[in-house]
N, C-alpha and C. Protein backbone atom coordinates (compact mmCIF):
# COMPACT_ATOMS: atom_id res chain seq x y z
N MET A 1 0.66 -1.10 -0.05
CA MET A 1 0.16 0.09 0.06
C MET A 1 0.89 1.19 0.16
N SER A 2 0.68 2.04 -0.86
CA SER A 2 1.51 3.24 -1.06
C SER A 2 1.20 4.18 -0.04
N ASN A 3 2.22 5.17 0.49
CA ASN A 3 2.04 5.85 1.40
C ASN A 3 0.93 6.94 1.09
N LEU A 4 0.69 7.50 -0.13
CA LEU A 4 -0.70 8.53 -0.16
C LEU A 4 -1.84 7.74 0.04
N THR A 5 -1.95 6.26 -0.36
CA THR A 5 -3.21 5.61 0.04
C THR A 5 -3.32 5.44 1.64
N LYS A 6 -2.32 5.09 2.49
CA LYS A 6 -2.15 5.10 3.53
C LYS A 6 -2.81 6.60 4.48
N ARG A 7 -2.29 7.40 3.85
CA ARG A 7 -2.36 9.08 4.19
C ARG A 7 -3.97 9.28 3.81
N ILE A 8 -4.68 8.85 2.90
CA ILE A 8 -6.27 9.26 2.51
C ILE A 8 -7.09 8.32 3.42
N LEU A 9 -6.63 7.06 3.69
CA LEU A 9 -7.10 6.30 4.85
C LEU A 9 -7.34 6.67 5.90
N THR A 10 -6.22 6.98 6.31
CA THR A 10 -6.18 7.56 7.54
C THR A 10 -7.12 8.92 7.99
N SER A 11 -6.79 9.67 7.00
CA SER A 11 -7.95 11.08 7.19
C SER A 11 -9.21 10.72 6.94
N VAL A 12 -9.81 9.66 6.29
CA VAL A 12 -10.87 9.59 6.04
C VAL A 12 -11.30 8.73 7.39
N LEU A 13 -10.71 8.22 8.30
CA LEU A 13 -11.09 7.66 9.52
C LEU A 13 -10.84 8.66 10.65
N LEU A 14 -10.08 9.54 10.58
CA LEU A 14 -9.06 10.46 11.61
C LEU A 14 -10.11 11.58 11.77
N LEU A 15 -10.75 11.88 10.62
CA LEU A 15 -11.39 13.27 10.52
C LEU A 15 -12.77 13.28 10.96
N PRO A 16 -13.43 12.42 10.65
CA PRO A 16 -15.00 12.14 11.58
C PRO A 16 -14.85 12.05 12.97
N PHE A 17 -13.92 10.80 13.30
CA PHE A 17 -13.79 10.63 14.81
C PHE A 17 -13.55 12.00 15.63
N SER A 18 -12.45 12.95 14.80
CA SER A 18 -11.93 14.08 15.35
C SER A 18 -13.33 15.32 15.62
N PHE A 19 -14.08 15.01 14.21
CA PHE A 19 -15.26 16.28 14.40
C PHE A 19 -15.86 15.73 15.37
N TYR A 20 -16.47 14.69 15.89
CA TYR A 20 -17.29 13.86 16.66
C TYR A 20 -17.25 14.29 17.72
N PHE A 21 -16.11 14.25 18.38
CA PHE A 21 -15.75 15.15 19.64
C PHE A 21 -15.79 16.63 19.53
N LEU A 22 -15.50 17.20 18.59
CA LEU A 22 -15.45 18.53 18.58
C LEU A 22 -17.29 19.10 18.68
N ILE A 23 -18.11 18.35 18.04
CA ILE A 23 -19.39 18.57 18.39
C ILE A 23 -19.81 18.14 19.50
N LEU A 24 -19.65 17.21 20.22
CA LEU A 24 -20.15 16.99 21.61
C LEU A 24 -19.60 17.85 22.34
N GLY A 25 -18.61 18.41 22.69
CA GLY A 25 -17.97 18.93 23.66
C GLY A 25 -17.64 18.63 24.72
N GLY A 26 -17.76 19.52 26.20
CA GLY A 26 -17.87 19.02 27.40
C GLY A 26 -16.71 18.29 27.82
N ASN A 27 -17.09 17.06 28.57
CA ASN A 27 -15.81 16.19 29.13
C ASN A 27 -15.65 15.14 27.90
N GLU A 28 -16.32 14.86 26.83
CA GLU A 28 -16.00 14.20 25.84
C GLU A 28 -14.85 14.75 25.10
N LEU A 29 -15.04 15.96 24.72
CA LEU A 29 -13.93 16.77 23.99
C LEU A 29 -12.67 16.70 25.20
N LYS A 30 -12.80 17.35 26.58
CA LYS A 30 -11.47 17.11 27.27
C LYS A 30 -11.26 15.72 27.17
N PHE A 31 -11.71 14.75 27.31
CA PHE A 31 -11.35 13.17 27.11
C PHE A 31 -10.17 13.14 25.96
N PHE A 32 -10.56 13.54 24.70
CA PHE A 32 -10.13 13.67 23.66
C PHE A 32 -8.90 14.34 23.25
N LEU A 33 -8.98 15.64 23.85
CA LEU A 33 -7.94 16.29 24.05
C LEU A 33 -6.72 15.77 24.84
N THR A 34 -7.14 15.37 26.04
CA THR A 34 -6.28 14.74 26.99
C THR A 34 -5.25 13.53 26.31
N ILE A 35 -6.04 12.73 25.68
CA ILE A 35 -5.37 11.79 24.68
C ILE A 35 -4.43 12.46 23.80
N ILE A 36 -4.64 13.37 23.06
CA ILE A 36 -3.88 14.06 22.29
C ILE A 36 -2.47 14.43 22.85
N LEU A 37 -2.85 15.44 24.26
CA LEU A 37 -1.91 15.61 24.96
C LEU A 37 -0.86 14.78 25.34
N LEU A 38 -1.37 13.45 25.65
CA LEU A 38 -0.78 12.49 26.28
C LEU A 38 0.34 12.14 25.31
N ILE A 39 -0.15 11.65 23.71
CA ILE A 39 0.59 11.04 22.82
C ILE A 39 1.46 12.15 22.30
N GLY A 40 1.39 13.45 22.72
CA GLY A 40 2.35 14.37 22.30
C GLY A 40 3.45 14.75 22.90
N VAL A 41 2.95 14.50 24.32
CA VAL A 41 3.94 14.76 25.48
C VAL A 41 5.17 13.66 24.92
N TYR A 42 4.36 12.29 24.99
CA TYR A 42 5.03 11.17 24.60
C TYR A 42 6.27 11.41 23.43
N GLU A 43 5.63 11.68 22.24
CA GLU A 43 6.28 12.13 21.05
C GLU A 43 7.50 13.05 21.37
N VAL A 44 7.27 13.97 22.08
CA VAL A 44 8.14 15.23 22.55
C VAL A 44 9.60 14.39 23.14
N PHE A 45 9.18 13.72 24.51
CA PHE A 45 10.27 12.97 24.91
C PHE A 45 10.75 12.24 24.31
N ASN A 46 10.39 11.37 23.55
CA ASN A 46 10.95 10.03 22.63
C ASN A 46 11.54 10.42 21.68
N SER A 47 11.36 11.72 20.66
CA SER A 47 11.75 11.90 19.60
C SER A 47 12.89 13.04 19.53
N PHE A 48 12.49 14.17 20.84
CA PHE A 48 13.58 15.19 20.98
C PHE A 48 14.44 15.37 21.66
N LYS A 49 15.66 15.49 21.61
CA LYS A 49 16.64 15.25 22.41
C LYS A 49 16.93 16.99 23.00
N LYS A 50 16.75 18.05 22.23
CA LYS A 50 16.91 19.46 22.97
C LYS A 50 16.13 19.89 23.80
N LEU A 51 16.59 20.57 24.78
CA LEU A 51 15.33 20.76 25.70
C LEU A 51 14.60 22.21 24.88
N SER A 52 15.34 22.80 24.12
CA SER A 52 14.80 24.09 24.11
C SER A 52 13.41 23.69 23.06
N SER A 53 13.49 22.74 22.10
CA SER A 53 12.68 21.78 21.25
C SER A 53 11.65 21.40 22.38
N LYS A 54 11.97 20.57 23.00
CA LYS A 54 11.07 20.16 23.90
C LYS A 54 10.12 21.37 24.61
N PHE A 55 10.75 22.14 24.99
CA PHE A 55 9.87 23.22 25.50
C PHE A 55 8.75 24.20 24.87
N TYR A 56 9.72 24.27 23.52
CA TYR A 56 8.69 24.79 22.46
C TYR A 56 7.61 24.13 22.21
N LEU A 57 7.89 22.89 22.04
CA LEU A 57 6.67 21.97 21.36
C LEU A 57 5.46 21.83 22.66
N LEU A 58 6.18 21.70 23.53
CA LEU A 58 5.14 21.34 24.48
C LEU A 58 4.14 22.80 25.05
N ILE A 59 5.04 23.75 24.60
CA ILE A 59 4.16 25.19 25.11
C ILE A 59 3.40 25.26 23.71
N ILE A 60 3.47 24.91 22.72
CA ILE A 60 2.54 25.20 21.45
C ILE A 60 1.62 24.15 21.39
N LEU A 61 1.96 22.97 21.82
CA LEU A 61 0.93 21.79 22.04
C LEU A 61 -0.22 21.89 23.08
N THR A 62 0.08 22.64 24.37
CA THR A 62 -1.16 22.76 25.30
C THR A 62 -1.81 24.01 25.19
N THR A 63 -0.94 24.99 24.42
CA THR A 63 -1.67 26.18 24.36
C THR A 63 -2.82 25.97 22.98
N SER A 64 -2.45 25.36 22.26
CA SER A 64 -3.18 24.97 20.81
C SER A 64 -4.57 23.99 21.55
N LEU A 65 -4.47 23.10 22.04
CA LEU A 65 -5.61 22.11 22.63
C LEU A 65 -6.41 23.05 23.61
N TYR A 66 -5.68 24.12 24.70
CA TYR A 66 -6.59 24.92 25.22
C TYR A 66 -7.34 25.51 24.41
N SER A 67 -6.70 26.11 23.13
CA SER A 67 -7.52 27.10 22.31
C SER A 67 -8.59 26.36 21.77
N ILE A 68 -8.38 25.26 21.63
CA ILE A 68 -9.59 23.98 20.72
C ILE A 68 -10.87 24.41 21.70
N TYR A 69 -10.38 24.12 22.94
CA TYR A 69 -11.69 23.66 24.09
C TYR A 69 -12.23 24.78 24.67
N PHE A 70 -11.36 25.83 24.52
CA PHE A 70 -12.03 27.41 24.79
C PHE A 70 -12.93 27.86 23.85
N LEU A 71 -12.32 27.70 22.54
CA LEU A 71 -13.11 28.18 21.42
C LEU A 71 -14.76 27.53 21.29
N GLN A 72 -14.74 26.06 21.74
CA GLN A 72 -15.72 25.23 21.44
C GLN A 72 -16.57 25.50 22.34
N ARG A 73 -16.52 26.17 23.36
CA ARG A 73 -17.26 26.09 24.52
C ARG A 73 -17.90 27.66 24.64
N GLU A 74 -17.54 28.33 23.85
CA GLU A 74 -17.54 29.83 24.54
C GLU A 74 -19.15 30.22 23.88
N THR A 75 -19.19 30.79 22.34
CA THR A 75 -20.07 31.46 21.86
C THR A 75 -20.35 30.72 20.43
N PHE A 76 -21.26 31.05 19.59
CA PHE A 76 -21.40 30.98 18.38
C PHE A 76 -20.09 31.47 17.46
N LEU A 77 -19.79 32.40 17.80
CA LEU A 77 -18.85 33.26 16.93
C LEU A 77 -17.70 32.53 17.22
N SER A 78 -17.34 32.15 18.42
CA SER A 78 -15.82 31.45 18.91
C SER A 78 -15.83 30.06 18.22
N ASN A 79 -17.06 29.40 18.41
CA ASN A 79 -17.10 28.32 17.69
C ASN A 79 -17.10 27.90 16.18
N PHE A 80 -17.65 28.76 15.74
CA PHE A 80 -17.76 28.92 14.18
C PHE A 80 -16.22 29.43 13.58
N LEU A 81 -15.58 30.40 14.34
CA LEU A 81 -14.26 30.61 13.97
C LEU A 81 -13.22 29.57 14.20
N LEU A 82 -13.43 28.58 15.43
CA LEU A 82 -12.54 27.05 15.33
C LEU A 82 -12.87 26.67 13.94
N TRP A 83 -14.09 26.31 13.63
CA TRP A 83 -14.61 25.47 12.77
C TRP A 83 -13.85 25.93 11.54
N PHE A 84 -13.67 26.86 11.11
CA PHE A 84 -13.28 27.83 10.12
C PHE A 84 -11.75 27.76 10.24
N ALA A 85 -11.03 27.76 11.30
CA ALA A 85 -9.76 27.86 11.27
C ALA A 85 -9.21 26.37 11.01
N ILE A 86 -9.74 25.41 11.83
CA ILE A 86 -9.80 24.12 11.54
C ILE A 86 -10.22 23.74 9.52
N SER A 87 -10.96 24.06 9.56
CA SER A 87 -11.14 23.68 7.86
C SER A 87 -10.14 24.32 6.82
N ILE A 88 -9.53 25.71 7.37
CA ILE A 88 -8.69 26.33 6.38
C ILE A 88 -7.32 25.64 6.81
N SER A 89 -7.32 25.15 7.71
CA SER A 89 -5.66 24.38 8.01
C SER A 89 -5.63 23.09 7.50
N ILE A 90 -6.79 22.26 7.38
CA ILE A 90 -6.87 20.93 6.39
C ILE A 90 -6.61 21.31 4.92
N SER A 91 -7.80 22.12 4.73
CA SER A 91 -7.91 22.39 2.97
C SER A 91 -6.36 23.05 2.80
N SER A 92 -5.96 23.66 3.38
CA SER A 92 -4.23 24.37 3.23
C SER A 92 -3.45 23.11 2.89
N ASP A 93 -3.41 22.23 3.91
CA ASP A 93 -2.64 21.07 3.68
C ASP A 93 -3.01 20.04 2.73
N ILE A 94 -4.21 19.94 2.32
CA ILE A 94 -4.50 19.28 1.27
C ILE A 94 -3.94 19.40 -0.17
N GLY A 95 -4.30 20.94 -0.05
CA GLY A 95 -4.02 21.96 -1.27
C GLY A 95 -2.38 21.87 -1.74
N GLY A 96 -1.67 21.63 -0.56
CA GLY A 96 -0.29 21.69 -0.76
C GLY A 96 0.18 20.40 -0.91
N TYR A 97 -0.47 19.34 -0.83
CA TYR A 97 0.10 18.22 -0.74
C TYR A 97 -0.10 17.92 -2.37
N ILE A 98 -1.40 18.08 -2.49
CA ILE A 98 -1.85 17.72 -4.18
C ILE A 98 -1.38 18.45 -5.04
N PHE A 99 -1.15 19.54 -4.99
CA PHE A 99 -0.42 20.49 -6.06
C PHE A 99 1.10 20.58 -5.85
N GLY A 100 1.83 20.27 -4.81
CA GLY A 100 3.18 19.92 -4.68
C GLY A 100 3.52 18.66 -5.09
N LYS A 101 3.07 17.47 -5.28
CA LYS A 101 2.54 16.17 -5.44
C LYS A 101 2.32 16.04 -7.44
N THR A 102 1.64 16.95 -7.72
CA THR A 102 1.11 17.12 -9.36
C THR A 102 2.31 18.09 -10.07
N PHE A 103 2.24 19.00 -9.35
CA PHE A 103 3.19 19.87 -10.53
C PHE A 103 4.85 20.30 -10.11
N LYS A 104 5.20 19.86 -8.93
CA LYS A 104 6.62 19.71 -8.61
C LYS A 104 7.48 20.74 -9.16
N TRP A 105 6.87 22.19 -8.76
CA TRP A 105 7.64 23.42 -9.13
C TRP A 105 8.79 23.55 -8.17
N LYS A 106 9.54 24.74 -8.32
CA LYS A 106 10.45 24.85 -7.62
C LYS A 106 10.29 25.17 -5.81
N LYS A 107 11.21 24.29 -5.62
CA LYS A 107 11.35 23.81 -3.59
C LYS A 107 11.72 25.54 -3.12
N ILE A 108 11.05 25.71 -2.10
CA ILE A 108 11.24 26.94 -1.55
C ILE A 108 11.90 27.07 -0.13
N SER A 109 12.36 25.93 0.21
CA SER A 109 12.88 25.99 1.49
C SER A 109 13.73 24.89 1.84
N LYS A 110 15.16 24.82 2.30
CA LYS A 110 15.88 23.73 2.82
C LYS A 110 15.68 23.36 4.05
N ILE A 111 14.34 23.92 4.78
CA ILE A 111 13.91 23.23 5.75
C ILE A 111 12.78 22.09 5.43
N SER A 112 12.35 21.97 4.66
CA SER A 112 11.49 20.92 4.35
C SER A 112 11.35 20.81 2.63
N PRO A 113 12.62 19.77 2.56
CA PRO A 113 12.43 19.94 0.81
C PRO A 113 11.25 19.50 -0.09
N ASN A 114 10.11 19.13 0.70
CA ASN A 114 9.21 18.73 -0.07
C ASN A 114 8.19 20.08 -0.10
N LYS A 115 8.53 21.17 0.40
CA LYS A 115 7.84 22.20 0.05
C LYS A 115 8.17 23.13 -1.41
N THR A 116 7.44 23.26 -1.94
CA THR A 116 7.18 24.03 -3.12
C THR A 116 6.46 24.96 -3.72
N LEU A 117 6.66 25.91 -4.43
CA LEU A 117 5.83 26.97 -4.96
C LEU A 117 4.55 26.55 -5.25
N SER A 118 4.62 25.36 -6.02
CA SER A 118 3.35 24.93 -6.44
C SER A 118 2.40 24.28 -5.22
N GLY A 119 3.00 24.00 -4.36
CA GLY A 119 2.46 23.97 -2.98
C GLY A 119 1.68 24.91 -2.34
N VAL A 120 2.39 25.94 -2.28
CA VAL A 120 1.84 27.19 -1.49
C VAL A 120 0.55 27.66 -2.39
N ILE A 121 0.90 27.78 -3.57
CA ILE A 121 -0.43 28.23 -4.19
C ILE A 121 -1.28 27.24 -4.17
N GLY A 122 -1.11 26.04 -4.34
CA GLY A 122 -2.42 24.65 -3.98
C GLY A 122 -3.07 25.06 -2.63
N SER A 123 -2.23 25.28 -1.62
CA SER A 123 -2.59 25.70 0.03
C SER A 123 -3.39 27.12 -0.15
N TYR A 124 -2.98 28.00 -0.96
CA TYR A 124 -3.97 29.20 -0.85
C TYR A 124 -5.27 29.07 -1.78
N LEU A 125 -5.22 28.57 -2.79
CA LEU A 125 -6.62 27.88 -3.62
C LEU A 125 -7.40 27.35 -2.76
N PHE A 126 -6.87 26.21 -2.11
CA PHE A 126 -7.99 25.51 -1.60
C PHE A 126 -8.88 26.18 -0.15
N SER A 127 -7.65 26.97 0.39
CA SER A 127 -8.20 27.75 1.60
C SER A 127 -9.25 28.65 0.98
N ILE A 128 -8.95 29.15 -0.07
CA ILE A 128 -10.34 30.20 -0.94
C ILE A 128 -11.44 29.27 -1.10
N LEU A 129 -11.42 28.17 -1.72
CA LEU A 129 -12.38 27.53 -1.96
C LEU A 129 -13.12 27.11 -0.61
N THR A 130 -12.70 26.65 0.30
CA THR A 130 -12.85 26.60 1.75
C THR A 130 -13.66 27.87 2.18
N LEU A 131 -13.31 28.81 1.72
CA LEU A 131 -14.35 30.49 2.26
C LEU A 131 -15.34 30.23 1.22
N VAL A 132 -15.25 29.78 0.41
CA VAL A 132 -16.29 29.87 -0.55
C VAL A 132 -17.66 28.89 -0.30
N VAL A 133 -17.12 28.06 0.25
CA VAL A 133 -18.07 26.79 1.19
C VAL A 133 -18.56 27.75 2.26
N PHE A 134 -17.75 28.23 3.20
CA PHE A 134 -18.62 28.58 4.15
C PHE A 134 -19.24 29.81 4.13
N ASN A 135 -18.93 30.64 3.17
CA ASN A 135 -19.81 31.82 2.86
C ASN A 135 -21.33 31.30 2.32
N LYS A 136 -21.00 30.34 1.33
CA LYS A 136 -22.53 29.49 0.48
C LYS A 136 -23.10 29.03 1.89
N PHE A 137 -22.68 28.54 3.28
CA PHE A 137 -23.47 27.91 4.30
C PHE A 137 -24.03 29.30 5.00
N LEU A 138 -23.62 30.41 5.09
CA LEU A 138 -23.77 31.48 5.48
C LEU A 138 -24.78 32.45 5.11
N SER A 139 -24.82 32.21 3.84
CA SER A 139 -25.49 33.16 2.89
C SER A 139 -27.03 32.79 3.35
N GLU A 140 -27.42 31.64 3.97
CA GLU A 140 -28.77 31.52 4.14
C GLU A 140 -29.25 32.23 5.16
N ALA A 141 -28.27 32.71 5.71
CA ALA A 141 -28.60 33.64 7.17
C ALA A 141 -28.29 34.94 6.89
N ASN A 142 -28.05 35.09 5.64
CA ASN A 142 -27.82 36.40 5.16
C ASN A 142 -26.21 37.19 6.09
N LEU A 143 -25.76 36.08 6.22
CA LEU A 143 -24.31 36.69 6.57
C LEU A 143 -23.00 35.82 5.83
N ASN A 144 -21.79 36.60 6.07
CA ASN A 144 -20.50 35.94 5.58
C ASN A 144 -19.36 36.14 6.38
N ILE A 145 -18.37 35.62 6.14
CA ILE A 145 -17.07 35.79 6.92
C ILE A 145 -16.84 36.96 7.21
N SER A 146 -16.92 37.98 6.44
CA SER A 146 -16.30 39.18 6.67
C SER A 146 -17.65 39.84 7.66
N ARG A 147 -18.72 39.76 7.78
CA ARG A 147 -19.58 40.47 8.50
C ARG A 147 -19.54 39.67 10.03
N LEU A 148 -19.21 38.54 9.97
CA LEU A 148 -19.08 37.88 11.32
C LEU A 148 -17.71 38.52 12.16
N TYR A 149 -16.46 38.69 11.65
CA TYR A 149 -15.38 38.87 11.90
C TYR A 149 -14.68 40.09 11.68
N PHE A 150 -15.75 41.01 10.97
CA PHE A 150 -15.41 42.68 10.53
C PHE A 150 -13.78 42.79 10.03
N VAL A 151 -13.30 41.51 9.50
CA VAL A 151 -11.95 41.88 8.56
C VAL A 151 -12.73 41.14 7.13
N PRO A 152 -11.96 41.35 6.17
CA PRO A 152 -12.08 40.55 4.67
C PRO A 152 -11.90 39.16 4.77
N GLY A 153 -12.84 38.43 4.46
CA GLY A 153 -13.03 36.70 4.54
C GLY A 153 -11.56 36.20 3.94
N VAL A 154 -11.27 36.80 2.71
CA VAL A 154 -10.13 36.32 1.80
C VAL A 154 -8.75 36.56 2.91
N LEU A 155 -8.72 37.72 3.46
CA LEU A 155 -7.52 37.91 4.30
C LEU A 155 -7.74 37.21 5.18
N LEU A 156 -8.71 36.87 5.89
CA LEU A 156 -8.71 36.03 7.04
C LEU A 156 -8.35 34.50 6.72
N ALA A 157 -8.81 34.11 5.32
CA ALA A 157 -8.23 32.57 4.87
C ALA A 157 -6.88 32.49 4.60
N VAL A 158 -6.78 33.72 3.88
CA VAL A 158 -4.96 33.51 3.50
C VAL A 158 -4.32 33.77 4.83
N VAL A 159 -4.69 34.65 5.77
CA VAL A 159 -3.61 34.55 7.29
C VAL A 159 -3.50 33.12 7.37
N PHE A 160 -4.72 32.45 7.82
CA PHE A 160 -4.91 31.22 8.49
C PHE A 160 -4.11 30.06 7.58
N SER A 161 -4.03 30.62 6.34
CA SER A 161 -3.17 29.28 5.63
C SER A 161 -1.85 29.48 5.48
N THR A 162 -1.41 30.82 5.72
CA THR A 162 0.31 31.40 6.04
C THR A 162 0.32 30.66 7.08
N VAL A 163 -0.29 30.98 8.11
CA VAL A 163 0.04 30.58 9.52
C VAL A 163 0.30 28.97 9.67
N SER A 164 -0.62 28.21 9.40
CA SER A 164 -0.57 26.83 8.77
C SER A 164 0.69 26.35 8.06
N GLN A 165 0.64 27.19 7.35
CA GLN A 165 2.29 26.59 6.09
C GLN A 165 3.45 27.06 6.94
N LEU A 166 3.62 28.21 7.82
CA LEU A 166 4.60 28.62 8.73
C LEU A 166 4.78 27.63 9.86
N GLY A 167 3.66 27.09 10.43
CA GLY A 167 3.63 26.41 11.68
C GLY A 167 4.09 24.81 11.01
N ASP A 168 3.66 24.64 9.84
CA ASP A 168 4.36 23.52 9.50
C ASP A 168 6.04 23.40 8.97
N LEU A 169 6.39 24.68 8.77
CA LEU A 169 7.75 24.75 8.43
C LEU A 169 8.69 24.91 9.70
N SER A 170 8.30 25.55 11.05
CA SER A 170 8.73 25.35 12.27
C SER A 170 9.08 24.13 12.94
N ILE A 171 7.78 23.11 12.70
CA ILE A 171 8.03 22.17 13.19
C ILE A 171 9.13 21.14 12.65
N SER A 172 9.09 21.36 11.33
CA SER A 172 10.12 20.86 10.37
C SER A 172 11.63 21.08 10.54
N TYR A 173 11.53 22.64 10.87
CA TYR A 173 13.11 22.76 11.39
C TYR A 173 13.61 22.39 12.29
N LEU A 174 12.58 21.93 13.38
CA LEU A 174 13.19 21.15 14.38
C LEU A 174 13.50 19.91 14.55
N LYS A 175 12.41 19.21 13.76
CA LYS A 175 12.65 17.76 13.26
C LYS A 175 14.04 17.64 12.69
N ARG A 176 14.11 18.50 11.45
CA ARG A 176 15.45 18.87 10.44
C ARG A 176 16.69 18.74 11.28
N LYS A 177 16.61 19.55 12.40
CA LYS A 177 17.90 19.94 13.32
C LYS A 177 18.38 18.44 14.30
N GLU A 178 17.34 17.66 14.16
CA GLU A 178 17.53 16.75 15.09
C GLU A 178 17.54 15.39 14.06
N ASN A 179 17.26 15.57 12.97
CA ASN A 179 17.53 14.32 12.13
C ASN A 179 16.21 13.73 12.32
N ILE A 180 15.05 14.25 12.44
CA ILE A 180 14.06 13.51 12.81
C ILE A 180 12.98 13.24 11.28
N LYS A 181 12.50 12.21 11.14
CA LYS A 181 11.85 12.22 9.85
C LYS A 181 10.16 12.37 10.31
N ASP A 182 9.65 11.66 10.92
CA ASP A 182 8.37 11.52 11.74
C ASP A 182 8.70 11.91 13.32
N THR A 183 7.47 12.40 14.09
CA THR A 183 7.74 12.57 15.43
C THR A 183 6.96 11.01 15.99
N GLY A 184 6.30 10.02 15.24
CA GLY A 184 5.85 8.83 15.77
C GLY A 184 5.35 8.35 14.50
N ARG A 185 4.42 7.06 14.93
CA ARG A 185 3.91 6.16 13.89
C ARG A 185 2.63 5.78 14.15
N ILE A 186 2.03 6.37 14.85
CA ILE A 186 0.65 6.15 15.05
C ILE A 186 -0.54 6.09 14.18
N LEU A 187 -0.09 7.31 13.31
CA LEU A 187 -0.89 7.65 12.14
C LEU A 187 -0.03 7.26 10.89
N PRO A 188 -0.92 6.23 10.37
CA PRO A 188 -0.29 5.56 9.19
C PRO A 188 -0.26 6.61 8.03
N GLY A 189 0.66 6.58 7.50
CA GLY A 189 0.53 7.75 6.25
C GLY A 189 1.30 9.22 6.63
N HIS A 190 1.00 9.40 7.82
CA HIS A 190 1.29 10.64 8.19
C HIS A 190 2.41 11.02 9.41
N GLY A 191 2.41 9.92 10.53
CA GLY A 191 3.47 9.83 11.22
C GLY A 191 2.92 9.92 12.53
N GLY A 192 3.38 10.56 13.51
CA GLY A 192 2.89 11.08 14.80
C GLY A 192 2.14 12.06 14.55
N ILE A 193 1.78 12.67 15.96
CA ILE A 193 0.51 13.49 16.09
C ILE A 193 1.25 15.03 15.87
N PHE A 194 2.39 14.86 15.88
CA PHE A 194 2.71 16.53 15.51
C PHE A 194 3.08 16.55 13.94
N ASP A 195 3.04 15.39 13.34
CA ASP A 195 3.48 15.42 12.13
C ASP A 195 1.88 16.01 11.09
N ARG A 196 0.83 15.60 11.80
CA ARG A 196 -0.67 15.75 11.31
C ARG A 196 -0.88 17.11 11.65
N ILE A 197 -0.63 17.65 13.07
CA ILE A 197 -1.30 19.01 13.67
C ILE A 197 -0.36 19.96 13.64
N ASP A 198 0.71 20.00 13.03
CA ASP A 198 1.86 20.95 13.01
C ASP A 198 1.37 22.35 12.65
N GLY A 199 0.69 22.59 11.46
CA GLY A 199 0.03 23.56 11.22
C GLY A 199 -1.24 24.23 11.81
N LEU A 200 -1.91 22.90 12.19
CA LEU A 200 -3.12 23.30 12.84
C LEU A 200 -2.78 24.28 14.20
N MET A 201 -1.98 23.47 15.12
CA MET A 201 -1.61 24.02 16.32
C MET A 201 -1.48 25.46 16.25
N PHE A 202 -0.87 26.07 15.50
CA PHE A 202 -0.51 27.72 15.31
C PHE A 202 -1.70 28.42 14.86
N VAL A 203 -2.68 27.74 13.85
CA VAL A 203 -3.87 28.39 13.56
C VAL A 203 -4.87 28.51 14.64
N VAL A 204 -5.05 27.37 15.23
CA VAL A 204 -6.00 27.48 16.35
C VAL A 204 -6.01 28.43 17.70
N ILE A 205 -4.16 28.81 17.69
CA ILE A 205 -3.99 29.81 18.72
C ILE A 205 -4.05 31.26 18.31
N LEU A 206 -3.66 31.30 16.90
CA LEU A 206 -4.31 32.61 16.09
C LEU A 206 -5.80 32.81 16.42
N ALA A 207 -6.71 32.07 16.12
CA ALA A 207 -7.97 32.18 16.47
C ALA A 207 -8.49 32.66 17.53
N LEU A 208 -8.13 31.60 18.61
CA LEU A 208 -7.85 32.25 19.83
C LEU A 208 -7.83 33.65 20.21
N ILE A 209 -6.59 34.45 19.52
CA ILE A 209 -6.06 35.60 20.02
C ILE A 209 -7.04 36.38 19.07
N ILE A 210 -7.66 36.29 18.06
CA ILE A 210 -8.42 37.27 17.14
C ILE A 210 -9.86 37.23 17.97
N TYR A 211 -10.30 36.31 18.77
CA TYR A 211 -11.82 35.94 19.51
C TYR A 211 -11.18 36.97 20.61
N GLN A 212 -10.31 36.92 21.34
CA GLN A 212 -10.23 37.25 22.73
C GLN A 212 -9.87 38.81 22.41
N PHE A 213 -9.01 39.01 21.37
CA PHE A 213 -8.83 40.78 21.00
C PHE A 213 -9.27 41.35 19.66
N GLY A 214 -10.06 40.68 19.13
CA GLY A 214 -10.83 41.33 18.02
C GLY A 214 -12.39 41.44 18.15
N HIS A 215 -12.63 41.95 19.22
CA HIS A 215 -14.34 42.39 19.63
C HIS A 215 -14.99 41.31 19.19
N LEU A 216 -14.83 40.49 18.96
CA LEU A 216 -15.69 39.15 18.63
C LEU A 216 -16.62 38.55 19.70
N LYS A 217 -16.56 39.04 20.82
CA LYS A 217 -17.48 38.46 22.17
C LYS A 217 -18.69 39.17 21.88
């Protein structure tokens, strides 16, 4: 079975499972996030040797999981912002992977050799498509992303996608410094927890900052 096939099958099983706990919220979500935290902590201490890397990853992981829990339980706006952030992060990753594998244009970073210009373009295109889908959903209530968050929806999608890609690069940089390919093997085709949620962690933290300081309450 190819790595791409494993990656697709894992996503098909993992995403509905994760969304199930996000929708439930409450103690069920706490349990799910605690499991992710425990696996993430294990990966940090099992894969990384440098204290600075361990400290950085643990701070990012715990802050991102708290951000998910906080945004999910607050208000309609915070919950919707969380879903938008997660969707952009996922679509950005998928777009980057598909375009990067298909077109194979110029490589853009020595940190992550698989990162290409075509992948970056794919990430932005898929993020914009996600915005269109969300606005279509909101149009029935005579709303759109821009009206909800007081910033242009395209800008928000592009910022989330950019942060997701930069977050991915930052984790790749730490792994490259210590000659680590994957942080674990728990997710076939993806590697470990950090290999799967690298960009997402940074996006949900940004979503929390936007909610807290962007007058969205």
